C-alpha atoms as a PDB file:
ATOM      1  CA  MET A   1     204.533  37.458  65.414  1.00  0.00           C
ATOM      2  CA  GLY A   2     208.124  36.885  64.304  1.00  0.00           C
ATOM      3  CA  GLY A   3     209.883  33.564  64.563  1.00  0.00           C
ATOM      4  CA  THR A   4     211.919  34.690  67.569  1.00  0.00           C
ATOM      5  CA  GLY A   5     208.778  35.672  69.467  1.00  0.00           C
ATOM      6  CA  TYR A   6     207.240  32.285  68.752  1.00  0.00           C
ATOM      7  CA  VAL A   7     210.322  30.490  70.065  1.00  0.00           C
ATOM      8  CA  LEU A   8     210.288  32.606  73.221  1.00  0.00           C
ATOM      9  CA  LEU A   9     206.608  31.866  73.916  1.00  0.00           C
ATOM     10  CA  LYS A  10     207.162  28.158  73.281  1.00  0.00           C
ATOM     11  CA  TYR A  11     209.954  27.970  75.816  1.00  0.00           C
ATOM     12  CA  LEU A  12     208.073  30.091  78.327  1.00  0.00           C
ATOM     13  CA  HIS A  13     205.195  27.609  78.082  1.00  0.00           C
ATOM     14  CA  CYS A  14     207.530  24.654  78.489  1.00  0.00           C
ATOM     15  CA  PHE A  15     209.260  26.248  81.458  1.00  0.00           C
ATOM     16  CA  PHE A  16     206.111  26.977  83.432  1.00  0.00           C
ATOM     17  CA  CYS A  17     204.613  23.571  82.586  1.00  0.00           C
ATOM     18  CA  LEU A  18     207.816  21.888  83.780  1.00  0.00           C
ATOM     19  CA  GLU A  19     208.070  20.097  80.437  1.00  0.00           C
ATOM     20  CA  CYS A  20     211.619  21.248  79.707  1.00  0.00           C
ATOM     21  CA  SER A  21     214.916  19.676  80.537  1.00  0.00           C
ATOM     22  CA  GLY A  22     217.824  21.675  81.965  1.00  0.00           C
ATOM     23  CA  THR A  23     219.232  22.039  78.450  1.00  0.00           C
ATOM     24  CA  SER A  24     215.984  23.542  77.191  1.00  0.00           C
ATOM     25  CA  PHE A  25     215.900  25.980  80.070  1.00  0.00           C
ATOM     26  CA  LEU A  26     219.448  27.063  79.236  1.00  0.00           C
ATOM     27  CA  PHE A  27     218.391  27.571  75.623  1.00  0.00           C
ATOM     28  CA  PHE A  28     215.487  29.714  76.818  1.00  0.00           C
ATOM     29  CA  ILE A  29     217.898  31.941  78.750  1.00  0.00           C
ATOM     30  CA  ILE A  30     220.133  32.295  75.692  1.00  0.00           C
ATOM     31  CA  VAL A  31     217.162  33.267  73.501  1.00  0.00           C
ATOM     32  CA  LEU A  32     216.033  35.820  76.076  1.00  0.00           C
ATOM     33  CA  VAL A  33     219.501  37.377  76.212  1.00  0.00           C
ATOM     34  CA  LEU A  34     219.660  37.558  72.406  1.00  0.00           C
ATOM     35  CA  ILE A  35     216.270  39.274  72.223  1.00  0.00           C
ATOM     36  CA  CYS A  36     217.241  41.829  74.855  1.00  0.00           C
ATOM     37  CA  SER A  37     220.543  42.495  73.103  1.00  0.00           C
ATOM     38  CA  LYS A  38     218.773  42.962  69.786  1.00  0.00           C
ATOM     39  CA  ALA A  39     216.325  45.388  71.372  1.00  0.00           C
ATOM     40  CA  ARG A  40     219.118  47.431  72.930  1.00  0.00           C
ATOM     41  CA  ARG A  41     220.977  47.523  69.621  1.00  0.00           C
ATOM     42  CA  LYS A  42     217.829  48.632  67.788  1.00  0.00           C
ATOM     43  CA  ASP A  43     217.210  51.385  70.347  1.00  0.00           C
ATOM     44  CA  ARG A  44     220.810  52.571  70.000  1.00  0.00           C
ATOM     45  CA  GLU A  45     220.603  52.655  66.204  1.00  0.00           C
ATOM     46  CA  THR A  46     217.263  54.447  66.277  1.00  0.00           C
ATOM     47  CA  SER A  47     218.487  57.053  68.744  1.00  0.00           C
ATOM     48  CA  SER A  48     221.595  57.750  66.673  1.00  0.00           C
ATOM     49  CA  VAL A  49     219.824  58.494  63.389  1.00  0.00           C
ATOM     50  CA  CYS A  50     221.526  61.592  62.019  1.00  0.00           C
ATOM     51  CA  THR A  51     219.294  64.597  61.405  1.00  0.00           C
ATOM     52  CA  GLU A  52     219.796  68.306  60.785  1.00  0.00           C
ATOM     53  CA  GLU A  53     219.229  69.691  64.269  1.00  0.00           C
ATOM     54  CA  PRO A  54     220.696  72.475  66.440  1.00  0.00           C
ATOM     55  CA  LYS A  55     224.485  72.303  66.378  1.00  0.00           C
ATOM     56  CA  LEU A  56     225.532  70.915  69.742  1.00  0.00           C
ATOM     57  CA  TYR A  57     229.183  71.599  68.976  1.00  0.00           C
ATOM     58  CA  LEU A  58     228.519  75.363  69.011  1.00  0.00           C
ATOM     59  CA  GLU A  59     227.101  75.423  72.548  1.00  0.00           C
ATOM     60  CA  GLU A  60     229.213  77.415  74.988  1.00  0.00           C
ATOM     61  CA  ALA A  61     229.599  74.534  77.441  1.00  0.00           C
ATOM     62  CA  VAL A  62     231.514  72.389  74.943  1.00  0.00           C
ATOM     63  CA  LEU A  63     233.643  75.090  73.324  1.00  0.00           C
ATOM     64  CA  GLU A  64     236.852  73.980  74.955  1.00  0.00           C
ATOM     65  CA  ARG A  65     239.957  72.258  73.724  1.00  0.00           C
ATOM     66  CA  LYS A  66     243.009  70.602  75.152  1.00  0.00           C
ATOM     67  CA  LEU A  67     246.267  72.575  75.139  1.00  0.00           C
ATOM     68  CA  PRO A  68     244.362  75.889  75.409  1.00  0.00           C
ATOM     69  CA  ASP A  69     247.446  77.834  76.479  1.00  0.00           C
ATOM     70  CA  ILE A  70     249.657  76.638  73.635  1.00  0.00           C
ATOM     71  CA  ASP A  71     249.748  78.543  70.366  1.00  0.00           C
ATOM     72  CA  LEU A  72     249.113  75.795  67.826  1.00  0.00           C
ATOM     73  CA  ARG A  73     250.506  78.051  65.129  1.00  0.00           C
ATOM     74  CA  VAL A  74     253.951  77.211  66.459  1.00  0.00           C
ATOM     75  CA  LEU A  75     253.205  73.556  65.719  1.00  0.00           C
ATOM     76  CA  VAL A  76     252.244  74.148  62.091  1.00  0.00           C
ATOM     77  CA  ASP A  77     254.939  76.548  60.903  1.00  0.00           C
ATOM     78  CA  LEU A  78     257.589  74.854  58.795  1.00  0.00           C
ATOM     79  CA  PRO A  79     260.829  74.714  60.830  1.00  0.00           C
ATOM     80  CA  ALA A  80     263.863  76.274  59.214  1.00  0.00           C
ATOM     81  CA  GLY A  81     265.888  73.768  57.248  1.00  0.00           C
ATOM     82  CA  LEU A  82     263.210  71.057  57.195  1.00  0.00           C
ATOM     83  CA  ASP A  83     261.991  69.692  53.867  1.00  0.00           C
ATOM     84  CA  TYR A  84     258.462  70.827  53.007  1.00  0.00           C
ATOM     85  CA  ASN A  85     257.325  67.361  51.943  1.00  0.00           C
ATOM     86  CA  GLU A  86     258.686  65.844  55.154  1.00  0.00           C
ATOM     87  CA  TRP A  87     256.603  68.340  57.109  1.00  0.00           C
ATOM     88  CA  LEU A  88     253.486  67.508  55.112  1.00  0.00           C
ATOM     89  CA  ALA A  89     254.100  63.784  55.543  1.00  0.00           C
ATOM     90  CA  SER A  90     254.555  63.899  59.315  1.00  0.00           C
ATOM     91  CA  HIS A  91     251.404  65.968  59.838  1.00  0.00           C
ATOM     92  CA  THR A  92     249.328  63.884  57.435  1.00  0.00           C
ATOM     93  CA  ILE A  93     250.225  60.666  59.250  1.00  0.00           C
ATOM     94  CA  ALA A  94     249.484  62.295  62.613  1.00  0.00           C
ATOM     95  CA  PHE A  95     246.081  63.576  61.448  1.00  0.00           C
ATOM     96  CA  PHE A  96     245.189  60.132  60.116  1.00  0.00           C
ATOM     97  CA  ASP A  97     246.163  58.381  63.353  1.00  0.00           C
ATOM     98  CA  LEU A  98     244.295  60.845  65.569  1.00  0.00           C
ATOM     99  CA  ILE A  99     241.101  61.065  63.501  1.00  0.00           C
ATOM    100  CA  ASN A 100     241.021  57.292  63.146  1.00  0.00           C
ATOM    101  CA  LEU A 101     241.432  56.990  66.919  1.00  0.00           C
ATOM    102  CA  VAL A 102     238.618  59.429  67.724  1.00  0.00           C
ATOM    103  CA  TYR A 103     236.267  57.820  65.211  1.00  0.00           C
ATOM    104  CA  GLY A 104     237.044  54.407  66.697  1.00  0.00           C
ATOM    105  CA  THR A 105     235.676  55.515  70.062  1.00  0.00           C
ATOM    106  CA  ILE A 106     232.204  56.176  68.632  1.00  0.00           C
ATOM    107  CA  SER A 107     232.162  53.770  65.682  1.00  0.00           C
ATOM    108  CA  GLU A 108     229.572  51.516  67.349  1.00  0.00           C
ATOM    109  CA  PHE A 109     227.096  54.396  67.076  1.00  0.00           C
ATOM    110  CA  CYS A 110     227.877  55.028  63.404  1.00  0.00           C
ATOM    111  CA  THR A 111     225.739  52.296  61.879  1.00  0.00           C
ATOM    112  CA  MET A 112     224.305  51.481  58.473  1.00  0.00           C
ATOM    113  CA  SER A 113     220.781  52.242  59.715  1.00  0.00           C
ATOM    114  CA  GLY A 114     221.661  55.245  61.871  1.00  0.00           C
ATOM    115  CA  CYS A 115     223.918  56.846  59.243  1.00  0.00           C
ATOM    116  CA  PRO A 116     222.595  55.630  55.865  1.00  0.00           C
ATOM    117  CA  ASP A 117     224.391  58.538  54.145  1.00  0.00           C
ATOM    118  CA  MET A 118     227.778  60.149  54.690  1.00  0.00           C
ATOM    119  CA  THR A 119     226.680  63.595  55.783  1.00  0.00           C
ATOM    120  CA  GLY A 120     228.085  66.767  57.286  1.00  0.00           C
ATOM    121  CA  PRO A 121     226.665  70.100  58.440  1.00  0.00           C
ATOM    122  CA  GLN A 122     224.550  72.290  56.144  1.00  0.00           C
ATOM    123  CA  LEU A 123     222.995  69.301  54.361  1.00  0.00           C
ATOM    124  CA  ARG A 124     226.366  68.344  52.912  1.00  0.00           C
ATOM    125  CA  THR A 125     226.384  64.818  51.515  1.00  0.00           C
ATOM    126  CA  TYR A 126     229.541  63.014  50.458  1.00  0.00           C
ATOM    127  CA  LEU A 127     229.273  60.532  47.597  1.00  0.00           C
ATOM    128  CA  TRP A 128     231.673  57.832  46.492  1.00  0.00           C
ATOM    129  CA  PHE A 129     232.773  57.034  42.958  1.00  0.00           C
ATOM    130  CA  ASP A 130     232.467  53.354  42.101  1.00  0.00           C
ATOM    131  CA  GLU A 131     234.938  51.479  39.902  1.00  0.00           C
ATOM    132  CA  LYS A 132     233.067  52.662  36.791  1.00  0.00           C
ATOM    133  CA  GLY A 133     233.287  56.313  37.786  1.00  0.00           C
ATOM    134  CA  LYS A 134     229.639  56.495  38.805  1.00  0.00           C
ATOM    135  CA  LYS A 135     228.628  58.505  41.853  1.00  0.00           C
ATOM    136  CA  THR A 136     227.442  56.152  44.556  1.00  0.00           C
ATOM    137  CA  ARG A 137     225.622  56.969  47.763  1.00  0.00           C
ATOM    138  CA  VAL A 138     227.058  54.836  50.562  1.00  0.00           C
ATOM    139  CA  ALA A 139     226.420  54.682  54.297  1.00  0.00           C
ATOM    140  CA  ALA A 140     228.775  56.620  56.546  1.00  0.00           C
ATOM    141  CA  PRO A 141     230.480  53.533  58.056  1.00  0.00           C
ATOM    142  CA  GLN A 142     231.260  52.267  54.545  1.00  0.00           C
ATOM    143  CA  TYR A 143     232.515  55.660  53.384  1.00  0.00           C
ATOM    144  CA  ILE A 144     234.757  56.092  56.407  1.00  0.00           C
ATOM    145  CA  ASP A 145     236.097  52.566  55.994  1.00  0.00           C
ATOM    146  CA  TYR A 146     237.015  53.473  52.404  1.00  0.00           C
ATOM    147  CA  VAL A 147     238.727  56.638  53.634  1.00  0.00           C
ATOM    148  CA  MET A 148     240.758  54.862  56.282  1.00  0.00           C
ATOM    149  CA  THR A 149     241.672  51.979  53.979  1.00  0.00           C
ATOM    150  CA  PHE A 150     242.814  54.323  51.221  1.00  0.00           C
ATOM    151  CA  THR A 151     244.825  56.476  53.617  1.00  0.00           C
ATOM    152  CA  GLN A 152     246.444  53.535  55.377  1.00  0.00           C
ATOM    153  CA  LYS A 153     247.547  52.006  52.073  1.00  0.00           C
ATOM    154  CA  THR A 154     248.848  55.337  50.830  1.00  0.00           C
ATOM    155  CA  ILE A 155     250.909  56.351  53.853  1.00  0.00           C
ATOM    156  CA  THR A 156     252.498  52.891  54.023  1.00  0.00           C
ATOM    157  CA  ASP A 157     253.427  52.925  50.338  1.00  0.00           C
ATOM    158  CA  GLU A 158     257.191  53.484  50.222  1.00  0.00           C
ATOM    159  CA  SER A 159     256.960  55.006  46.748  1.00  0.00           C
ATOM    160  CA  ILE A 160     254.633  57.751  48.043  1.00  0.00           C
ATOM    161  CA  PHE A 161     255.639  58.218  51.691  1.00  0.00           C
ATOM    162  CA  PRO A 162     259.327  57.242  51.594  1.00  0.00           C
ATOM    163  CA  THR A 163     261.031  56.288  54.848  1.00  0.00           C
ATOM    164  CA  LYS A 164     264.345  54.931  53.570  1.00  0.00           C
ATOM    165  CA  TYR A 165     267.460  56.948  52.911  1.00  0.00           C
ATOM    166  CA  ALA A 166     267.809  58.448  49.417  1.00  0.00           C
ATOM    167  CA  HIS A 167     264.180  57.699  48.522  1.00  0.00           C
ATOM    168  CA  GLU A 168     262.497  60.784  47.089  1.00  0.00           C
ATOM    169  CA  PHE A 169     258.929  62.025  47.402  1.00  0.00           C
ATOM    170  CA  PRO A 170     256.979  61.784  44.131  1.00  0.00           C
ATOM    171  CA  SER A 171     256.285  64.970  42.189  1.00  0.00           C
ATOM    172  CA  SER A 172     252.562  64.511  42.897  1.00  0.00           C
ATOM    173  CA  PHE A 173     253.080  64.239  46.667  1.00  0.00           C
ATOM    174  CA  GLU A 174     251.364  67.495  47.614  1.00  0.00           C
ATOM    175  CA  SER A 175     248.275  66.624  45.567  1.00  0.00           C
ATOM    176  CA  ILE A 176     248.124  63.242  47.311  1.00  0.00           C
ATOM    177  CA  VAL A 177     248.285  64.975  50.687  1.00  0.00           C
ATOM    178  CA  ARG A 178     245.499  67.329  49.584  1.00  0.00           C
ATOM    179  CA  LYS A 179     243.299  64.365  48.761  1.00  0.00           C
ATOM    180  CA  ILE A 180     243.990  62.614  52.072  1.00  0.00           C
ATOM    181  CA  LEU A 181     243.323  65.726  54.144  1.00  0.00           C
ATOM    182  CA  ARG A 182     240.116  66.401  52.225  1.00  0.00           C
ATOM    183  CA  LEU A 183     238.878  62.902  53.025  1.00  0.00           C
ATOM    184  CA  LEU A 184     239.892  63.157  56.673  1.00  0.00           C
ATOM    185  CA  PHE A 185     238.057  66.472  56.882  1.00  0.00           C
ATOM    186  CA  HIS A 186     234.930  64.675  55.675  1.00  0.00           C
ATOM    187  CA  VAL A 187     235.264  62.297  58.631  1.00  0.00           C
ATOM    188  CA  LEU A 188     235.616  65.221  61.046  1.00  0.00           C
ATOM    189  CA  ALA A 189     232.565  66.896  59.506  1.00  0.00           C
ATOM    190  CA  HIS A 190     230.536  63.719  60.023  1.00  0.00           C
ATOM    191  CA  LEU A 191     231.726  63.390  63.622  1.00  0.00           C
ATOM    192  CA  TYR A 192     230.618  66.923  64.443  1.00  0.00           C
ATOM    193  CA  HIS A 193     227.348  66.643  62.552  1.00  0.00           C
ATOM    194  CA  CYS A 194     226.141  63.211  63.641  1.00  0.00           C
ATOM    195  CA  HIS A 195     228.136  61.992  66.628  1.00  0.00           C
ATOM    196  CA  PHE A 196     229.169  64.981  68.694  1.00  0.00           C
ATOM    197  CA  ARG A 197     226.705  64.001  71.421  1.00  0.00           C
ATOM    198  CA  GLU A 198     228.480  60.669  71.868  1.00  0.00           C
ATOM    199  CA  VAL A 199     231.844  62.446  71.802  1.00  0.00           C
ATOM    200  CA  VAL A 200     230.664  64.699  74.651  1.00  0.00           C
ATOM    201  CA  LEU A 201     229.326  61.751  76.646  1.00  0.00           C
ATOM    202  CA  LEU A 202     232.772  60.162  76.378  1.00  0.00           C
ATOM    203  CA  ASN A 203     234.307  63.481  77.471  1.00  0.00           C
ATOM    204  CA  LEU A 204     236.391  63.633  74.298  1.00  0.00           C
ATOM    205  CA  HIS A 205     235.041  66.887  72.887  1.00  0.00           C
ATOM    206  CA  ALA A 206     238.029  68.952  74.047  1.00  0.00           C
ATOM    207  CA  HIS A 207     240.362  66.510  72.299  1.00  0.00           C
ATOM    208  CA  LEU A 208     238.282  66.606  69.119  1.00  0.00           C
ATOM    209  CA  ASN A 209     238.187  70.409  69.174  1.00  0.00           C
ATOM    210  CA  CYS A 210     241.955  70.545  69.609  1.00  0.00           C
ATOM    211  CA  LEU A 211     242.420  68.175  66.679  1.00  0.00           C
ATOM    212  CA  PHE A 212     240.079  70.280  64.551  1.00  0.00           C
ATOM    213  CA  ALA A 213     241.965  73.442  65.536  1.00  0.00           C
ATOM    214  CA  HIS A 214     245.278  71.835  64.591  1.00  0.00           C
ATOM    215  CA  LEU A 215     244.003  70.775  61.163  1.00  0.00           C
ATOM    216  CA  THR A 216     242.389  74.177  60.586  1.00  0.00           C
ATOM    217  CA  LEU A 217     245.605  76.055  61.362  1.00  0.00           C
ATOM    218  CA  PHE A 218     247.687  73.658  59.285  1.00  0.00           C
ATOM    219  CA  ASN A 219     245.335  74.183  56.372  1.00  0.00           C
ATOM    220  CA  ALA A 220     245.336  77.956  56.873  1.00  0.00           C
ATOM    221  CA  ARG A 221     249.125  77.912  56.754  1.00  0.00           C
ATOM    222  CA  PHE A 222     249.527  75.731  53.639  1.00  0.00           C
ATOM    223  CA  SER A 223     246.117  75.987  51.853  1.00  0.00           C
ATOM    224  CA  LEU A 224     245.662  72.257  51.321  1.00  0.00           C
ATOM    225  CA  ILE A 225     241.860  71.917  51.592  1.00  0.00           C
ATOM    226  CA  GLU A 226     239.573  74.039  49.428  1.00  0.00           C
ATOM    227  CA  PRO A 227     237.256  76.569  51.114  1.00  0.00           C
ATOM    228  CA  ARG A 228     234.204  74.891  49.545  1.00  0.00           C
ATOM    229  CA  GLU A 229     235.068  71.902  51.743  1.00  0.00           C
ATOM    230  CA  THR A 230     235.840  73.716  54.982  1.00  0.00           C
ATOM    231  CA  GLU A 231     233.064  76.326  54.826  1.00  0.00           C
ATOM    232  CA  ILE A 232     230.578  73.961  56.481  1.00  0.00           C
ATOM    233  CA  LEU A 233     232.489  74.219  59.782  1.00  0.00           C
ATOM    234  CA  GLU A 234     233.390  77.891  59.491  1.00  0.00           C
ATOM    235  CA  ASP A 235     231.025  78.688  62.383  1.00  0.00           C
ATOM    236  CA  LEU A 236     233.017  76.324  64.608  1.00  0.00           C
ATOM    237  CA  VAL A 237     236.284  77.972  63.548  1.00  0.00           C
ATOM    238  CA  VAL A 238     234.854  81.314  64.680  1.00  0.00           C
ATOM    239  CA  ALA A 239     233.333  79.904  67.888  1.00  0.00           C
ATOM    240  CA  LEU A 240     236.610  78.279  68.939  1.00  0.00           C
ATOM    241  CA  LYS A 241     238.476  81.462  67.950  1.00  0.00           C
ATOM    242  CA  ILE A 242     240.959  79.452  65.911  1.00  0.00           C
ATOM    243  CA  LEU A 243     241.304  82.154  63.267  1.00  0.00           C
ATOM    244  CA  GLU A 244     240.499  85.815  63.304  1.00  0.00           C
ATOM    245  CA  PRO A 245     237.324  86.740  61.356  1.00  0.00           C
ATOM    246  CA  ASP A 246     239.375  88.486  58.671  1.00  0.00           C
ATOM    247  CA  GLU A 247     241.533  85.357  58.300  1.00  0.00           C
ATOM    248  CA  VAL A 248     238.451  83.220  57.703  1.00  0.00           C
ATOM    249  CA  THR A 249     237.246  85.635  55.010  1.00  0.00           C
ATOM    250  CA  SER A 250     240.696  85.814  53.470  1.00  0.00           C
ATOM    251  CA  ASP A 251     240.949  82.035  53.266  1.00  0.00           C
ATOM    252  CA  GLN A 252     237.579  81.834  51.530  1.00  0.00           C
ATOM    253  CA  GLU A 253     238.429  84.465  48.950  1.00  0.00           C
ATOM    254  CA  GLY A 254     242.024  83.452  48.421  1.00  0.00           C
ATOM    255  CA  ALA A 255     241.680  79.871  47.250  1.00  0.00           C
ATOM    256  CA  CYS A 256     240.522  79.200  43.740  1.00  0.00           C
ATOM    257  CA  GLY A 257     241.120  76.756  40.940  1.00  0.00           C
ATOM    258  CA  GLU A 258     240.429  73.071  40.701  1.00  0.00           C
ATOM    259  CA  GLU A 259     241.701  70.610  43.246  1.00  0.00           C
ATOM    260  CA  ALA A 260     244.461  68.297  42.091  1.00  0.00           C
ATOM    261  CA  THR A 261     243.646  64.653  42.602  1.00  0.00           C
ATOM    262  CA  ALA A 262     246.480  62.199  42.941  1.00  0.00           C
ATOM    263  CA  PRO A 263     246.493  58.911  41.063  1.00  0.00           C
ATOM    264  CA  PRO A 264     245.292  56.234  43.486  1.00  0.00           C
ATOM    265  CA  PRO A 265     247.598  53.518  44.762  1.00  0.00           C
ATOM    266  CA  PRO A 266     246.901  49.945  43.650  1.00  0.00           C
ATOM    267  CA  GLN A 267     243.870  48.075  44.999  1.00  0.00           C
ATOM    268  CA  GLN A 268     242.375  51.045  46.779  1.00  0.00           C
ATOM    269  CA  PRO A 269     238.648  51.781  47.189  1.00  0.00           C
ATOM    270  CA  PRO A 270     237.084  53.895  44.426  1.00  0.00           C
ATOM    271  CA  ASP A 271     237.666  57.632  44.461  1.00  0.00           C
ATOM    272  CA  PRO A 272     235.338  59.662  46.725  1.00  0.00           C
ATOM    273  CA  GLN A 273     233.521  62.818  45.826  1.00  0.00           C
ATOM    274  CA  ASP A 274     231.304  65.197  47.727  1.00  0.00           C
ATOM    275  CA  THR A 275     228.159  67.021  46.717  1.00  0.00           C
ATOM    276  CA  GLN A 276     225.646  69.181  48.458  1.00  0.00           C
ATOM    277  CA  GLN A 277     221.992  68.220  48.423  1.00  0.00           C
ATOM    278  CA  MET A 278     219.962  70.658  46.304  1.00  0.00           C
ATOM    279  CA  ALA A 279     223.452  71.574  45.477  1.00  0.00           C
ATOM    280  CA  ASP A 280     226.000  73.437  43.562  1.00  0.00           C
ATOM    281  CA  PRO A 281     227.194  71.993  40.256  1.00  0.00           C
ATOM    282  CA  GLN A 282     230.219  69.745  40.164  1.00  0.00           C
END
């Protein structure tokens, strides 16, 4: 029997034998509450272990999204006269804020024990590069914390995302945006793969689907995330009717070449990388 169980039995014995003072009885109550809380937390972590199971997000009952009557394509097309980098910057910041917000609602279910790996659909596993350039397998909460920390530092860096008059975007700005959107897509993939049940229970699935549709259309318009990244949620794109089937095929065949990776800002987490288990070569 563990130490906590021994303490509980000791105070139960003292209570029923009337050998305890009021202070001891209070301590017994505190111990009991702690044990119950620990049990509930353990049950929650056990129930949220991420496995490859039927895709809940493809079920007809949850294939809805907010703003169903609005053509999101209007929201992604570059307005006449607006700077391209300004358009990328505004959308990138919005995607970060919204994905961070949605993840925050279910973060208590994304635990080190429940999500020991950063995974997505189709057995996709995302690895992180440590400071020595070595691939490192980290738990999903750690990976997502790295993503959010990196993105927050980047979008608040005046030399990368300028906000003051006469400050120019760096020549590598688009590649930096590509990296950020790729990382944020990883977070979305993990949400759909491991935590969509919690999203549905919170009645946030329509919001998540709308966010996914927005990012998908933005990417289809400007080709910022490689098809090898987005292919794992292609079935959701089709189910939500975000793109026409021929558009999905065209996007897959049209993008080629290596992804540009921006130089990281100072004091950021190590660079992430994704692989697929039993996977394709890097």
